[in-house]
C-alpha cells in the first residue's frame, strides 16, 4: 500500500509498505480517504515541531472508512465512515483518571509521537473512532481541526455576554471563531495577514477584523468603548503575540493560549495581577467533542464549505507539499486524497 514518510525535514518519500493484518478485538482496520494538512505537519516538514522525531508518517486529521472491526466493535461495522480521535491515552494516569485524556501523562498523538494516517490503511482503537456516515470524507477530515477550537472555547466557557478577540486566523484560530460564534459571543479577530482577515469577513461573517500592525489596542478600545476583550484566545504560537495578548484583555478577563511554540515567554506581572487574569491553556480535545462537532456539521451549525482551499493526491505530495508552507500560496486548509 502507499505510505508517505517524512524522512527528515523537507523530505517526503512515497513508499510502498505491507498492508496491516486483521484487527485485534479492540481495534478496527480503516481505509484512509482524506488527510487534512495541519500546522503540526507543516512545522514537522520545516523541522520546527516539538516532541517530534524522524522518520515519521504524518497525519492525524483523517476521514476514514472501516474495513474490518474487532470483536468489541461497539456497534461499528465495515463501511462506516468515521472521524479518528488521534490522541492515544493510557487510561490510568492522573489526567486520564480525572477525565482529561487530552493531556494524558503518556499521550501518544498519531502523526506526531507515533506514525499517523498518511497511508492507505492502518489499525485504530475502536474507542477512538466516531461514526460520521452522513458526512463527506472532506467534512470528516476537518473534525479534528474543529475539535481543537471546540475545546478551547469550552475551556474559556464563553457565552452571549462575552466579547472575544481571537488572535491568529490560521486553521486553529478559524475553528475557535466558529465555536465562539456558536456560543453567541461577539467575536473579533486579529492577524498580520490581510488575506486571512478578508477570509474571516467574507466566509465566516466576522465584522470586526484588526490588522496586528495597525495599533490594534487602540482600535480594539474603540470597538469596545474602552472595555477591551473579556476573553482573548491566542492561536498564533508566537511568543511576542502571546506576551502582548494581556494588553488586549479586559479587567477581570480570561487569556487562553491554544498555539504552541518551543521556548519561554513572559507576562508583565503587575498587569497580570491588575487585571486579575484567568490564564488558561488548551491542549488537543476531549472525546465528547468529536460526536458534538459531527452533529453540528450535519445540522449546518458549523459550515465547512469555505475551509478547503487546496488539495492534492497522495502521488502529488512529494512535489507539492513545500508550497503549502509558503504564505503566498494562500492555504487555509489543504487535504490529501488517498
Foldseek 3Di string as FASTA:
>chain_A
DWFWKPAQAQFIDTDDDDADDCDAQQKFKKFFFKFWDDPQNLCRNRVFHPQADPTAGAGQLTWIFTCQHHNNQVPDGGGFIWAFQFKDADCPDPCNVVQNRLPHPPIDGDRGNHHHDRGGMDMGGSLGIDTQRVDDRVVSSCLQLLQLLLQQCVVQVAAQVFEEEEEDLASNSVSVLLVNVVRNYQYEYEYQDPLSQVCCCPPVVRPHYYYPVPPVQVVQCVVVVNQFGLEYEYAPQDQVCLQPVLSRHGQCHEYEYEHHGPDDHDHDVVSCVRSVYHYYYGGGHGSVSRVVVSVCVVVVSDDPVVQEDEEEESVCCSPCVVVVSDVVSVHRMYMYGD
